[in-house]
Amino acid sequence: MTRGNWIFKKAEKLPVEKIEAVPVKEKEAPKKIVKLEEPVAAKPLLEGALLKISSEPADAKIFINGYLKGKTPQEIAIGSVSKSAKEYVIKVTRDGFASWEKKVKLVSGDRKRFEITLKKR
């Protein structure tokens, strides 16, 4: 985002609520204008599940159902989780260390923490 006047619109039809920043047009009269001095990332409101994953050593790759989601330590929001339990596969890898993998069942509202110690090969 660049400096200037922005309005924030809320989209409620997504699994995880999303806030979108939209530039203000000159002739528009929005109810509330937010003046941004520095770029700001809007954090979504969580309705799915939240995983907090850390490892020793840090900087290990995190995969959820085969998709790379980042490196440790990391908080990962999973918006596709619903009220009925769904199984997810969490895998943590780092060069020179044995991979760690775990199957977990998640439902909406779950908050889980994983503190993983990777073993050298």
PDB file of N, CA and C in Angstrom:
ATOM      1  N   MET A   1       0.837  -1.176   0.000  1.00  0.00           N
ATOM      2  CA  MET A   1       0.000   0.000   0.000  1.00  0.00           C
ATOM      3  C   MET A   1       0.880   1.236   0.000  1.00  0.00           C
ATOM      4  N   THR A   2       0.372   2.260  -0.593  1.00  0.00           N
ATOM      5  CA  THR A   2       1.105   3.514  -0.614  1.00  0.00           C
ATOM      6  C   THR A   2       0.459   4.492   0.349  1.00  0.00           C
ATOM      7  N   ARG A   3       1.149   5.573   0.626  1.00  0.00           N
ATOM      8  CA  ARG A   3       0.591   6.603   1.492  1.00  0.00           C
ATOM      9  C   ARG A   3      -0.639   7.211   0.842  1.00  0.00           C
ATOM     10  N   GLY A   4      -1.570   7.668   1.649  1.00  0.00           N
ATOM     11  CA  GLY A   4      -2.771   8.307   1.131  1.00  0.00           C
ATOM     12  C   GLY A   4      -3.987   7.916   1.935  1.00  0.00           C
ATOM     13  N   ASN A   5      -5.166   8.222   1.423  1.00  0.00           N
ATOM     14  CA  ASN A   5      -6.416   7.901   2.100  1.00  0.00           C
ATOM     15  C   ASN A   5      -6.939   6.559   1.603  1.00  0.00           C
ATOM     16  N   TRP A   6      -7.331   5.707   2.540  1.00  0.00           N
ATOM     17  CA  TRP A   6      -7.829   4.377   2.213  1.00  0.00           C
ATOM     18  C   TRP A   6      -9.063   4.091   3.050  1.00  0.00           C
ATOM     19  N   ILE A   7      -9.973   3.298   2.520  1.00  0.00           N
ATOM     20  CA  ILE A   7     -11.072   2.782   3.322  1.00  0.00           C
ATOM     21  C   ILE A   7     -10.910   1.276   3.378  1.00  0.00           C
ATOM     22  N   PHE A   8     -11.387   0.672   4.436  1.00  0.00           N
ATOM     23  CA  PHE A   8     -11.277  -0.763   4.598  1.00  0.00           C
ATOM     24  C   PHE A   8     -12.663  -1.386   4.456  1.00  0.00           C
ATOM     25  N   LYS A   9     -12.778  -2.364   3.549  1.00  0.00           N
ATOM     26  CA  LYS A   9     -14.030  -3.067   3.326  1.00  0.00           C
ATOM     27  C   LYS A   9     -13.889  -4.479   3.859  1.00  0.00           C
ATOM     28  N   LYS A  10     -14.920  -4.970   4.510  1.00  0.00           N
ATOM     29  CA  LYS A  10     -14.891  -6.285   5.117  1.00  0.00           C
ATOM     30  C   LYS A  10     -15.681  -7.262   4.247  1.00  0.00           C
ATOM     31  N   ALA A  11     -15.059  -8.369   3.857  1.00  0.00           N
ATOM     32  CA  ALA A  11     -15.726  -9.412   3.087  1.00  0.00           C
ATOM     33  C   ALA A  11     -16.077 -10.538   4.046  1.00  0.00           C
ATOM     34  N   GLU A  12     -17.360 -10.849   4.197  1.00  0.00           N
ATOM     35  CA  GLU A  12     -17.777 -11.830   5.200  1.00  0.00           C
ATOM     36  C   GLU A  12     -18.117 -13.196   4.621  1.00  0.00           C
ATOM     37  N   LYS A  13     -18.052 -13.379   3.317  1.00  0.00           N
ATOM     38  CA  LYS A  13     -18.463 -14.636   2.711  1.00  0.00           C
ATOM     39  C   LYS A  13     -17.305 -15.613   2.525  1.00  0.00           C
ATOM     40  N   LEU A  14     -16.214 -15.416   3.219  1.00  0.00           N
ATOM     41  CA  LEU A  14     -15.057 -16.300   3.114  1.00  0.00           C
ATOM     42  C   LEU A  14     -14.967 -17.154   4.375  1.00  0.00           C
ATOM     43  N   PRO A  15     -14.269 -18.310   4.309  1.00  0.00           N
ATOM     44  CA  PRO A  15     -14.093 -19.107   5.524  1.00  0.00           C
ATOM     45  C   PRO A  15     -13.373 -18.325   6.618  1.00  0.00           C
ATOM     46  N   VAL A  16     -12.430 -17.481   6.241  1.00  0.00           N
ATOM     47  CA  VAL A  16     -11.744 -16.612   7.190  1.00  0.00           C
ATOM     48  C   VAL A  16     -12.046 -15.196   6.765  1.00  0.00           C
ATOM     49  N   GLU A  17     -12.505 -14.388   7.712  1.00  0.00           N
ATOM     50  CA  GLU A  17     -12.864 -13.018   7.380  1.00  0.00           C
ATOM     51  C   GLU A  17     -11.672 -12.274   6.806  1.00  0.00           C
ATOM     52  N   LYS A  18     -11.905 -11.507   5.760  1.00  0.00           N
ATOM     53  CA  LYS A  18     -10.824 -10.802   5.079  1.00  0.00           C
ATOM     54  C   LYS A  18     -11.128  -9.311   5.081  1.00  0.00           C
ATOM     55  N   ILE A  19     -10.131  -8.502   5.367  1.00  0.00           N
ATOM     56  CA  ILE A  19     -10.291  -7.057   5.333  1.00  0.00           C
ATOM     57  C   ILE A  19      -9.492  -6.548   4.152  1.00  0.00           C
ATOM     58  N   GLU A  20     -10.143  -5.782   3.292  1.00  0.00           N
ATOM     59  CA  GLU A  20      -9.517  -5.307   2.072  1.00  0.00           C
ATOM     60  C   GLU A  20      -9.385  -3.784   2.118  1.00  0.00           C
ATOM     61  N   ALA A  21      -8.215  -3.277   1.775  1.00  0.00           N
ATOM     62  CA  ALA A  21      -7.985  -1.840   1.715  1.00  0.00           C
ATOM     63  C   ALA A  21      -8.250  -1.372   0.287  1.00  0.00           C
ATOM     64  N   VAL A  22      -9.043  -0.318   0.159  1.00  0.00           N
ATOM     65  CA  VAL A  22      -9.418   0.205  -1.151  1.00  0.00           C
ATOM     66  C   VAL A  22      -9.104   1.697  -1.170  1.00  0.00           C
ATOM     67  N   PRO A  23      -8.431   2.202  -2.231  1.00  0.00           N
ATOM     68  CA  PRO A  23      -8.131   3.629  -2.275  1.00  0.00           C
ATOM     69  C   PRO A  23      -9.418   4.458  -2.382  1.00  0.00           C
ATOM     70  N   VAL A  24      -9.413   5.616  -1.752  1.00  0.00           N
ATOM     71  CA  VAL A  24     -10.566   6.514  -1.782  1.00  0.00           C
ATOM     72  C   VAL A  24     -10.529   7.323  -3.075  1.00  0.00           C
ATOM     73  N   LYS A  25     -11.649   7.320  -3.798  1.00  0.00           N
ATOM     74  CA  LYS A  25     -11.746   8.118  -5.009  1.00  0.00           C
ATOM     75  C   LYS A  25     -12.157   9.532  -4.612  1.00  0.00           C
ATOM     76  N   GLU A  26     -11.746  10.505  -5.405  1.00  0.00           N
ATOM     77  CA  GLU A  26     -11.963  11.910  -5.053  1.00  0.00           C
ATOM     78  C   GLU A  26     -13.422  12.257  -4.787  1.00  0.00           C
ATOM     79  N   LYS A  27     -14.368  11.697  -5.553  1.00  0.00           N
ATOM     80  CA  LYS A  27     -15.774  12.083  -5.412  1.00  0.00           C
ATOM     81  C   LYS A  27     -16.529  11.215  -4.407  1.00  0.00           C
ATOM     82  N   GLU A  28     -15.886  10.178  -3.862  1.00  0.00           N
ATOM     83  CA  GLU A  28     -16.533   9.319  -2.870  1.00  0.00           C
ATOM     84  C   GLU A  28     -16.558  10.019  -1.524  1.00  0.00           C
ATOM     85  N   ALA A  29     -17.574   9.711  -0.748  1.00  0.00           N
ATOM     86  CA  ALA A  29     -17.665  10.255   0.606  1.00  0.00           C
ATOM     87  C   ALA A  29     -17.804   9.092   1.582  1.00  0.00           C
ATOM     88  N   PRO A  30     -16.707   8.352   1.875  1.00  0.00           N
ATOM     89  CA  PRO A  30     -16.803   7.212   2.789  1.00  0.00           C
ATOM     90  C   PRO A  30     -17.102   7.674   4.208  1.00  0.00           C
ATOM     91  N   LYS A  31     -17.667   6.757   5.000  1.00  0.00           N
ATOM     92  CA  LYS A  31     -18.004   7.078   6.391  1.00  0.00           C
ATOM     93  C   LYS A  31     -16.758   7.306   7.235  1.00  0.00           C
ATOM     94  N   LYS A  32     -15.713   6.522   6.942  1.00  0.00           N
ATOM     95  CA  LYS A  32     -14.493   6.649   7.742  1.00  0.00           C
ATOM     96  C   LYS A  32     -13.286   6.529   6.830  1.00  0.00           C
ATOM     97  N   ILE A  33     -12.375   7.470   6.931  1.00  0.00           N
ATOM     98  CA  ILE A  33     -11.143   7.437   6.150  1.00  0.00           C
ATOM     99  C   ILE A  33      -9.997   7.163   7.106  1.00  0.00           C
ATOM    100  N   VAL A  34      -9.113   6.286   6.679  1.00  0.00           N
ATOM    101  CA  VAL A  34      -7.924   5.975   7.472  1.00  0.00           C
ATOM    102  C   VAL A  34      -6.722   6.518   6.719  1.00  0.00           C
ATOM    103  N   LYS A  35      -5.931   7.339   7.366  1.00  0.00           N
ATOM    104  CA  LYS A  35      -4.725   7.901   6.763  1.00  0.00           C
ATOM    105  C   LYS A  35      -3.566   6.980   7.113  1.00  0.00           C
ATOM    106  N   LEU A  36      -2.927   6.406   6.089  1.00  0.00           N
ATOM    107  CA  LEU A  36      -1.808   5.507   6.313  1.00  0.00           C
ATOM    108  C   LEU A  36      -0.490   6.234   6.111  1.00  0.00           C
ATOM    109  N   GLU A  37       0.341   6.160   7.104  1.00  0.00           N
ATOM    110  CA  GLU A  37       1.668   6.750   6.990  1.00  0.00           C
ATOM    111  C   GLU A  37       2.675   5.713   6.512  1.00  0.00           C
ATOM    112  N   GLU A  38       2.476   4.467   6.920  1.00  0.00           N
ATOM    113  CA  GLU A  38       3.343   3.365   6.523  1.00  0.00           C
ATOM    114  C   GLU A  38       2.449   2.224   6.054  1.00  0.00           C
ATOM    115  N   PRO A  39       2.946   1.338   5.194  1.00  0.00           N
ATOM    116  CA  PRO A  39       2.144   0.191   4.778  1.00  0.00           C
ATOM    117  C   PRO A  39       1.729  -0.659   5.971  1.00  0.00           C
ATOM    118  N   VAL A  40       0.498  -1.128   5.963  1.00  0.00           N
ATOM    119  CA  VAL A  40      -0.039  -1.927   7.053  1.00  0.00           C
ATOM    120  C   VAL A  40      -0.657  -3.192   6.466  1.00  0.00           C
ATOM    121  N   ALA A  41      -0.351  -4.332   7.048  1.00  0.00           N
ATOM    122  CA  ALA A  41      -0.969  -5.585   6.626  1.00  0.00           C
ATOM    123  C   ALA A  41      -2.140  -5.874   7.554  1.00  0.00           C
ATOM    124  N   ALA A  42      -3.325  -6.051   6.992  1.00  0.00           N
ATOM    125  CA  ALA A  42      -4.500  -6.352   7.791  1.00  0.00           C
ATOM    126  C   ALA A  42      -4.471  -7.821   8.190  1.00  0.00           C
ATOM    127  N   LYS A  43      -4.704  -8.103   9.479  1.00  0.00           N
ATOM    128  CA  LYS A  43      -4.743  -9.478   9.958  1.00  0.00           C
ATOM    129  C   LYS A  43      -6.181  -9.977   9.896  1.00  0.00           C
ATOM    130  N   PRO A  44      -6.396 -11.153   9.286  1.00  0.00           N
ATOM    131  CA  PRO A  44      -7.753 -11.679   9.236  1.00  0.00           C
ATOM    132  C   PRO A  44      -8.223 -12.151  10.607  1.00  0.00           C
ATOM    133  N   LEU A  45      -9.535 -12.081  10.837  1.00  0.00           N
ATOM    134  CA  LEU A  45     -10.112 -12.620  12.055  1.00  0.00           C
ATOM    135  C   LEU A  45     -10.245 -14.122  11.852  1.00  0.00           C
ATOM    136  N   LEU A  46      -9.786 -14.897  12.817  1.00  0.00           N
ATOM    137  CA  LEU A  46      -9.694 -16.336  12.636  1.00  0.00           C
ATOM    138  C   LEU A  46     -10.989 -17.046  13.018  1.00  0.00           C
ATOM    139  N   GLU A  47     -11.518 -17.831  12.077  1.00  0.00           N
ATOM    140  CA  GLU A  47     -12.665 -18.681  12.358  1.00  0.00           C
ATOM    141  C   GLU A  47     -12.314 -20.147  12.167  1.00  0.00           C
ATOM    142  N   GLY A  48     -11.156 -20.441  11.592  1.00  0.00           N
ATOM    143  CA  GLY A  48     -10.726 -21.822  11.374  1.00  0.00           C
ATOM    144  C   GLY A  48      -9.923 -22.309  12.558  1.00  0.00           C
ATOM    145  N   ALA A  49      -8.717 -22.796  12.288  1.00  0.00           N
ATOM    146  CA  ALA A  49      -7.824 -23.297  13.333  1.00  0.00           C
ATOM    147  C   ALA A  49      -6.489 -22.557  13.248  1.00  0.00           C
ATOM    148  N   LEU A  50      -5.768 -22.529  14.351  1.00  0.00           N
ATOM    149  CA  LEU A  50      -4.464 -21.868  14.400  1.00  0.00           C
ATOM    150  C   LEU A  50      -3.431 -22.859  14.911  1.00  0.00           C
ATOM    151  N   LEU A  51      -2.343 -23.013  14.137  1.00  0.00           N
ATOM    152  CA  LEU A  51      -1.238 -23.875  14.533  1.00  0.00           C
ATOM    153  C   LEU A  51      -0.022 -23.008  14.818  1.00  0.00           C
ATOM    154  N   LYS A  52       0.605 -23.216  15.968  1.00  0.00           N
ATOM    155  CA  LYS A  52       1.861 -22.546  16.294  1.00  0.00           C
ATOM    156  C   LYS A  52       2.935 -23.615  16.270  1.00  0.00           C
ATOM    157  N   ILE A  53       3.857 -23.478  15.315  1.00  0.00           N
ATOM    158  CA  ILE A  53       4.860 -24.516  15.120  1.00  0.00           C
ATOM    159  C   ILE A  53       6.250 -23.930  15.275  1.00  0.00           C
ATOM    160  N   SER A  54       7.036 -24.526  16.181  1.00  0.00           N
ATOM    161  CA  SER A  54       8.425 -24.114  16.357  1.00  0.00           C
ATOM    162  C   SER A  54       9.283 -25.378  16.316  1.00  0.00           C
ATOM    163  N   SER A  55      10.566 -25.182  16.008  1.00  0.00           N
ATOM    164  CA  SER A  55      11.457 -26.345  15.949  1.00  0.00           C
ATOM    165  C   SER A  55      12.838 -25.973  16.450  1.00  0.00           C
ATOM    166  N   GLU A  56      13.561 -27.018  16.854  1.00  0.00           N
ATOM    167  CA  GLU A  56      14.968 -26.897  17.207  1.00  0.00           C
ATOM    168  C   GLU A  56      15.708 -27.856  16.292  1.00  0.00           C
ATOM    169  N   PRO A  57      16.517 -27.444  15.378  1.00  0.00           N
ATOM    170  CA  PRO A  57      16.837 -26.052  15.082  1.00  0.00           C
ATOM    171  C   PRO A  57      15.675 -25.349  14.351  1.00  0.00           C
ATOM    172  N   ALA A  58      15.702 -24.029  14.424  1.00  0.00           N
ATOM    173  CA  ALA A  58      14.686 -23.214  13.758  1.00  0.00           C
ATOM    174  C   ALA A  58      14.953 -23.174  12.254  1.00  0.00           C
ATOM    175  N   ASP A  59      14.110 -22.489  11.540  1.00  0.00           N
ATOM    176  CA  ASP A  59      14.254 -22.280  10.091  1.00  0.00           C
ATOM    177  C   ASP A  59      14.005 -23.557   9.291  1.00  0.00           C
ATOM    178  N   ALA A  60      13.190 -24.461   9.848  1.00  0.00           N
ATOM    179  CA  ALA A  60      12.805 -25.682   9.137  1.00  0.00           C
ATOM    180  C   ALA A  60      11.544 -25.400   8.323  1.00  0.00           C
ATOM    181  N   LYS A  61      11.399 -26.069   7.198  1.00  0.00           N
ATOM    182  CA  LYS A  61      10.228 -25.880   6.327  1.00  0.00           C
ATOM    183  C   LYS A  61       9.014 -26.587   6.921  1.00  0.00           C
ATOM    184  N   ILE A  62       7.846 -25.902   6.829  1.00  0.00           N
ATOM    185  CA  ILE A  62       6.587 -26.465   7.323  1.00  0.00           C
ATOM    186  C   ILE A  62       5.678 -26.745   6.129  1.00  0.00           C
ATOM    187  N   PHE A  63       5.189 -27.988   6.057  1.00  0.00           N
ATOM    188  CA  PHE A  63       4.240 -28.368   5.015  1.00  0.00           C
ATOM    189  C   PHE A  63       2.929 -28.789   5.680  1.00  0.00           C
ATOM    190  N   ILE A  64       1.806 -28.310   5.142  1.00  0.00           N
ATOM    191  CA  ILE A  64       0.494 -28.757   5.580  1.00  0.00           C
ATOM    192  C   ILE A  64      -0.153 -29.425   4.377  1.00  0.00           C
ATOM    193  N   ASN A  65      -0.488 -30.702   4.511  1.00  0.00           N
ATOM    194  CA  ASN A  65      -1.061 -31.486   3.410  1.00  0.00           C
ATOM    195  C   ASN A  65      -0.233 -31.354   2.131  1.00  0.00           C
ATOM    196  N   GLY A  66       1.098 -31.316   2.290  1.00  0.00           N
ATOM    197  CA  GLY A  66       1.992 -31.271   1.137  1.00  0.00           C
ATOM    198  C   GLY A  66       2.303 -29.885   0.604  1.00  0.00           C
ATOM    199  N   TYR A  67       1.661 -28.844   1.137  1.00  0.00           N
ATOM    200  CA  TYR A  67       1.886 -27.472   0.674  1.00  0.00           C
ATOM    201  C   TYR A  67       2.809 -26.728   1.634  1.00  0.00           C
ATOM    202  N   LEU A  68       3.855 -26.114   1.090  1.00  0.00           N
ATOM    203  CA  LEU A  68       4.792 -25.338   1.908  1.00  0.00           C
ATOM    204  C   LEU A  68       4.072 -24.117   2.467  1.00  0.00           C
ATOM    205  N   LYS A  69       4.111 -23.951   3.793  1.00  0.00           N
ATOM    206  CA  LYS A  69       3.422 -22.841   4.453  1.00  0.00           C
ATOM    207  C   LYS A  69       4.360 -21.836   5.104  1.00  0.00           C
ATOM    208  N   GLY A  70       5.670 -22.130   5.116  1.00  0.00           N
ATOM    209  CA  GLY A  70       6.618 -21.210   5.737  1.00  0.00           C
ATOM    210  C   GLY A  70       7.716 -21.974   6.447  1.00  0.00           C
ATOM    211  N   LYS A  71       8.423 -21.244   7.308  1.00  0.00           N
ATOM    212  CA  LYS A  71       9.511 -21.842   8.088  1.00  0.00           C
ATOM    213  C   LYS A  71       9.285 -21.571   9.561  1.00  0.00           C
ATOM    214  N   THR A  72       9.847 -22.457  10.382  1.00  0.00           N
ATOM    215  CA  THR A  72       9.691 -22.310  11.830  1.00  0.00           C
ATOM    216  C   THR A  72      10.557 -21.173  12.356  1.00  0.00           C
ATOM    217  N   PRO A  73      10.121 -20.509  13.412  1.00  0.00           N
ATOM    218  CA  PRO A  73       8.815 -20.610  14.071  1.00  0.00           C
ATOM    219  C   PRO A  73       7.745 -19.880  13.252  1.00  0.00           C
ATOM    220  N   GLN A  74       6.512 -20.375  13.318  1.00  0.00           N
ATOM    221  CA  GLN A  74       5.457 -19.830  12.470  1.00  0.00           C
ATOM    222  C   GLN A  74       4.084 -20.097  13.087  1.00  0.00           C
ATOM    223  N   GLU A  75       3.177 -19.126  12.937  1.00  0.00           N
ATOM    224  CA  GLU A  75       1.759 -19.324  13.247  1.00  0.00           C
ATOM    225  C   GLU A  75       1.051 -19.493  11.922  1.00  0.00           C
ATOM    226  N   ILE A  76       0.275 -20.547  11.799  1.00  0.00           N
ATOM    227  CA  ILE A  76      -0.406 -20.835  10.541  1.00  0.00           C
ATOM    228  C   ILE A  76      -1.903 -20.908  10.801  1.00  0.00           C
ATOM    229  N   ALA A  77      -2.652 -20.048  10.119  1.00  0.00           N
ATOM    230  CA  ALA A  77      -4.111 -20.070  10.201  1.00  0.00           C
ATOM    231  C   ALA A  77      -4.638 -20.964   9.087  1.00  0.00           C
ATOM    232  N   ILE A  78      -5.514 -21.886   9.455  1.00  0.00           N
ATOM    233  CA  ILE A  78      -6.120 -22.774   8.472  1.00  0.00           C
ATOM    234  C   ILE A  78      -7.606 -22.451   8.423  1.00  0.00           C
ATOM    235  N   GLY A  79      -8.012 -21.756   7.380  1.00  0.00           N
ATOM    236  CA  GLY A  79      -9.399 -21.304   7.256  1.00  0.00           C
ATOM    237  C   GLY A  79     -10.351 -22.367   6.757  1.00  0.00           C
ATOM    238  N   SER A  80      -9.840 -23.459   6.174  1.00  0.00           N
ATOM    239  CA  SER A  80     -10.715 -24.490   5.607  1.00  0.00           C
ATOM    240  C   SER A  80     -11.280 -25.434   6.663  1.00  0.00           C
ATOM    241  N   VAL A  81     -10.918 -25.234   7.934  1.00  0.00           N
ATOM    242  CA  VAL A  81     -11.404 -26.090   9.010  1.00  0.00           C
ATOM    243  C   VAL A  81     -12.840 -25.693   9.341  1.00  0.00           C
ATOM    244  N   SER A  82     -13.698 -26.702   9.548  1.00  0.00           N
ATOM    245  CA  SER A  82     -15.098 -26.427   9.874  1.00  0.00           C
ATOM    246  C   SER A  82     -15.457 -27.045  11.222  1.00  0.00           C
ATOM    247  N   LYS A  83     -16.729 -27.107  11.529  1.00  0.00           N
ATOM    248  CA  LYS A  83     -17.186 -27.673  12.810  1.00  0.00           C
ATOM    249  C   LYS A  83     -16.980 -29.186  12.882  1.00  0.00           C
ATOM    250  N   SER A  84     -16.956 -29.856  11.713  1.00  0.00           N
ATOM    251  CA  SER A  84     -16.699 -31.305  11.734  1.00  0.00           C
ATOM    252  C   SER A  84     -15.199 -31.553  11.551  1.00  0.00           C
ATOM    253  N   ALA A  85     -14.691 -32.534  12.260  1.00  0.00           N
ATOM    254  CA  ALA A  85     -13.253 -32.814  12.274  1.00  0.00           C
ATOM    255  C   ALA A  85     -12.744 -33.180  10.880  1.00  0.00           C
ATOM    256  N   LYS A  86     -11.571 -32.627  10.563  1.00  0.00           N
ATOM    257  CA  LYS A  86     -10.914 -32.912   9.290  1.00  0.00           C
ATOM    258  C   LYS A  86      -9.450 -33.210   9.599  1.00  0.00           C
ATOM    259  N   GLU A  87      -8.882 -34.222   8.901  1.00  0.00           N
ATOM    260  CA  GLU A  87      -7.501 -34.618   9.159  1.00  0.00           C
ATOM    261  C   GLU A  87      -6.533 -33.817   8.292  1.00  0.00           C
ATOM    262  N   TYR A  88      -5.442 -33.373   8.900  1.00  0.00           N
ATOM    263  CA  TYR A  88      -4.374 -32.643   8.218  1.00  0.00           C
ATOM    264  C   TYR A  88      -3.057 -33.328   8.530  1.00  0.00           C
ATOM    265  N   VAL A  89      -2.130 -33.272   7.566  1.00  0.00           N
ATOM    266  CA  VAL A  89      -0.795 -33.834   7.775  1.00  0.00           C
ATOM    267  C   VAL A  89       0.192 -32.670   7.876  1.00  0.00           C
ATOM    268  N   ILE A  90       0.885 -32.598   9.008  1.00  0.00           N
ATOM    269  CA  ILE A  90       1.904 -31.566   9.237  1.00  0.00           C
ATOM    270  C   ILE A  90       3.263 -32.235   9.075  1.00  0.00           C
ATOM    271  N   LYS A  91       4.120 -31.651   8.247  1.00  0.00           N
ATOM    272  CA  LYS A  91       5.468 -32.190   8.054  1.00  0.00           C
ATOM    273  C   LYS A  91       6.462 -31.050   8.209  1.00  0.00           C
ATOM    274  N   VAL A  92       7.531 -31.299   8.961  1.00  0.00           N
ATOM    275  CA  VAL A  92       8.584 -30.310   9.192  1.00  0.00           C
ATOM    276  C   VAL A  92       9.900 -30.928   8.739  1.00  0.00           C
ATOM    277  N   THR A  93      10.615 -30.214   7.858  1.00  0.00           N
ATOM    278  CA  THR A  93      11.874 -30.736   7.314  1.00  0.00           C
ATOM    279  C   THR A  93      12.973 -29.686   7.366  1.00  0.00           C
ATOM    280  N   ARG A  94      14.204 -30.170   7.477  1.00  0.00           N
ATOM    281  CA  ARG A  94      15.380 -29.309   7.373  1.00  0.00           C
ATOM    282  C   ARG A  94      16.538 -30.167   6.892  1.00  0.00           C
ATOM    283  N   ASP A  95      17.346 -29.614   5.978  1.00  0.00           N
ATOM    284  CA  ASP A  95      18.493 -30.356   5.451  1.00  0.00           C
ATOM    285  C   ASP A  95      19.399 -30.828   6.590  1.00  0.00           C
ATOM    286  N   GLY A  96      19.836 -32.090   6.495  1.00  0.00           N
ATOM    287  CA  GLY A  96      20.736 -32.657   7.498  1.00  0.00           C
ATOM    288  C   GLY A  96      20.027 -33.237   8.706  1.00  0.00           C
ATOM    289  N   PHE A  97      18.678 -33.158   8.741  1.00  0.00           N
ATOM    290  CA  PHE A  97      17.897 -33.650   9.877  1.00  0.00           C
ATOM    291  C   PHE A  97      16.788 -34.570   9.375  1.00  0.00           C
ATOM    292  N   ALA A  98      16.393 -35.523  10.221  1.00  0.00           N
ATOM    293  CA  ALA A  98      15.274 -36.406   9.885  1.00  0.00           C
ATOM    294  C   ALA A  98      13.981 -35.594   9.898  1.00  0.00           C
ATOM    295  N   SER A  99      13.099 -35.863   8.957  1.00  0.00           N
ATOM    296  CA  SER A  99      11.811 -35.167   8.888  1.00  0.00           C
ATOM    297  C   SER A  99      10.916 -35.580  10.050  1.00  0.00           C
ATOM    298  N   TRP A 100      10.020 -34.666  10.439  1.00  0.00           N
ATOM    299  CA  TRP A 100       9.017 -34.935  11.468  1.00  0.00           C
ATOM    300  C   TRP A 100       7.655 -34.830  10.800  1.00  0.00           C
ATOM    301  N   GLU A 101       6.772 -35.776  11.067  1.00  0.00           N
ATOM    302  CA  GLU A 101       5.444 -35.756  10.453  1.00  0.00           C
ATOM    303  C   GLU A 101       4.399 -36.209  11.462  1.00  0.00           C
ATOM    304  N   LYS A 102       3.234 -35.544  11.405  1.00  0.00           N
ATOM    305  CA  LYS A 102       2.150 -35.913  12.324  1.00  0.00           C
ATOM    306  C   LYS A 102       0.814 -35.646  11.655  1.00  0.00           C
ATOM    307  N   LYS A 103      -0.137 -36.579  11.850  1.00  0.00           N
ATOM    308  CA  LYS A 103      -1.516 -36.390  11.390  1.00  0.00           C
ATOM    309  C   LYS A 103      -2.316 -35.840  12.560  1.00  0.00           C
ATOM    310  N   VAL A 104      -3.061 -34.771  12.315  1.00  0.00           N
ATOM    311  CA  VAL A 104      -3.890 -34.177  13.365  1.00  0.00           C
ATOM    312  C   VAL A 104      -5.295 -33.953  12.837  1.00  0.00           C
ATOM    313  N   LYS A 105      -6.274 -34.102  13.721  1.00  0.00           N
ATOM    314  CA  LYS A 105      -7.662 -33.786  13.375  1.00  0.00           C
ATOM    315  C   LYS A 105      -7.961 -32.415  13.966  1.00  0.00           C
ATOM    316  N   LEU A 106      -8.493 -31.528  13.115  1.00  0.00           N
ATOM    317  CA  LEU A 106      -8.795 -30.169  13.535  1.00  0.00           C
ATOM    318  C   LEU A 106     -10.266 -29.851  13.312  1.00  0.00           C
ATOM    319  N   VAL A 107     -10.820 -29.041  14.211  1.00  0.00           N
ATOM    320  CA  VAL A 107     -12.156 -28.479  14.039  1.00  0.00           C
ATOM    321  C   VAL A 107     -12.048 -26.970  14.236  1.00  0.00           C
ATOM    322  N   SER A 108     -13.036 -26.248  13.751  1.00  0.00           N
ATOM    323  CA  SER A 108     -13.027 -24.792  13.872  1.00  0.00           C
ATOM    324  C   SER A 108     -12.855 -24.374  15.331  1.00  0.00           C
ATOM    325  N   GLY A 109     -11.964 -23.443  15.557  1.00  0.00           N
ATOM    326  CA  GLY A 109     -11.697 -22.953  16.912  1.00  0.00           C
ATOM    327  C   GLY A 109     -10.486 -23.591  17.568  1.00  0.00           C
ATOM    328  N   ASP A 110      -9.956 -24.667  16.982  1.00  0.00           N
ATOM    329  CA  ASP A 110      -8.778 -25.323  17.560  1.00  0.00           C
ATOM    330  C   ASP A 110      -7.570 -24.396  17.547  1.00  0.00           C
ATOM    331  N   ARG A 111      -6.786 -24.465  18.609  1.00  0.00           N
ATOM    332  CA  ARG A 111      -5.508 -23.766  18.713  1.00  0.00           C
ATOM    333  C   ARG A 111      -4.516 -24.814  19.198  1.00  0.00           C
ATOM    334  N   LYS A 112      -3.526 -25.137  18.371  1.00  0.00           N
ATOM    335  CA  LYS A 112      -2.563 -26.184  18.750  1.00  0.00           C
ATOM    336  C   LYS A 112      -1.140 -25.674  18.602  1.00  0.00           C
ATOM    337  N   ARG A 113      -0.297 -26.117  19.527  1.00  0.00           N
ATOM    338  CA  ARG A 113       1.125 -25.743  19.518  1.00  0.00           C
ATOM    339  C   ARG A 113       1.963 -27.009  19.359  1.00  0.00           C
ATOM    340  N   PHE A 114       2.954 -26.918  18.474  1.00  0.00           N
ATOM    341  CA  PHE A 114       3.889 -28.023  18.266  1.00  0.00           C
ATOM    342  C   PHE A 114       5.303 -27.496  18.458  1.00  0.00           C
ATOM    343  N   GLU A 115       6.017 -28.068  19.423  1.00  0.00           N
ATOM    344  CA  GLU A 115       7.428 -27.731  19.664  1.00  0.00           C
ATOM    345  C   GLU A 115       8.223 -28.981  19.303  1.00  0.00           C
ATOM    346  N   ILE A 116       8.927 -28.899  18.184  1.00  0.00           N
ATOM    347  CA  ILE A 116       9.540 -30.073  17.579  1.00  0.00           C
ATOM    348  C   ILE A 116      11.058 -30.008  17.701  1.00  0.00           C
ATOM    349  N   THR A 117      11.659 -31.130  18.118  1.00  0.00           N
ATOM    350  CA  THR A 117      13.108 -31.248  18.109  1.00  0.00           C
ATOM    351  C   THR A 117      13.480 -32.204  16.985  1.00  0.00           C
ATOM    352  N   LEU A 118      14.144 -31.660  15.951  1.00  0.00           N
ATOM    353  CA  LEU A 118      14.556 -32.489  14.823  1.00  0.00           C
ATOM    354  C   LEU A 118      15.866 -33.195  15.167  1.00  0.00           C
ATOM    355  N   LYS A 119      15.971 -34.463  14.763  1.00  0.00           N
ATOM    356  CA  LYS A 119      17.163 -35.256  15.069  1.00  0.00           C
ATOM    357  C   LYS A 119      18.089 -35.272  13.864  1.00  0.00           C
ATOM    358  N   LYS A 120      19.393 -35.110  14.133  1.00  0.00           N
ATOM    359  CA  LYS A 120      20.395 -35.169  13.039  1.00  0.00           C
ATOM    360  C   LYS A 120      20.385 -36.554  12.424  1.00  0.00           C
ATOM    361  N   ARG A 121      20.653 -36.579  11.107  1.00  0.00           N
ATOM    362  CA  ARG A 121      20.736 -37.878  10.410  1.00  0.00           C
ATOM    363  C   ARG A 121      22.054 -38.543  10.686  1.00  0.00           C
TER     364      ARG A 121
END
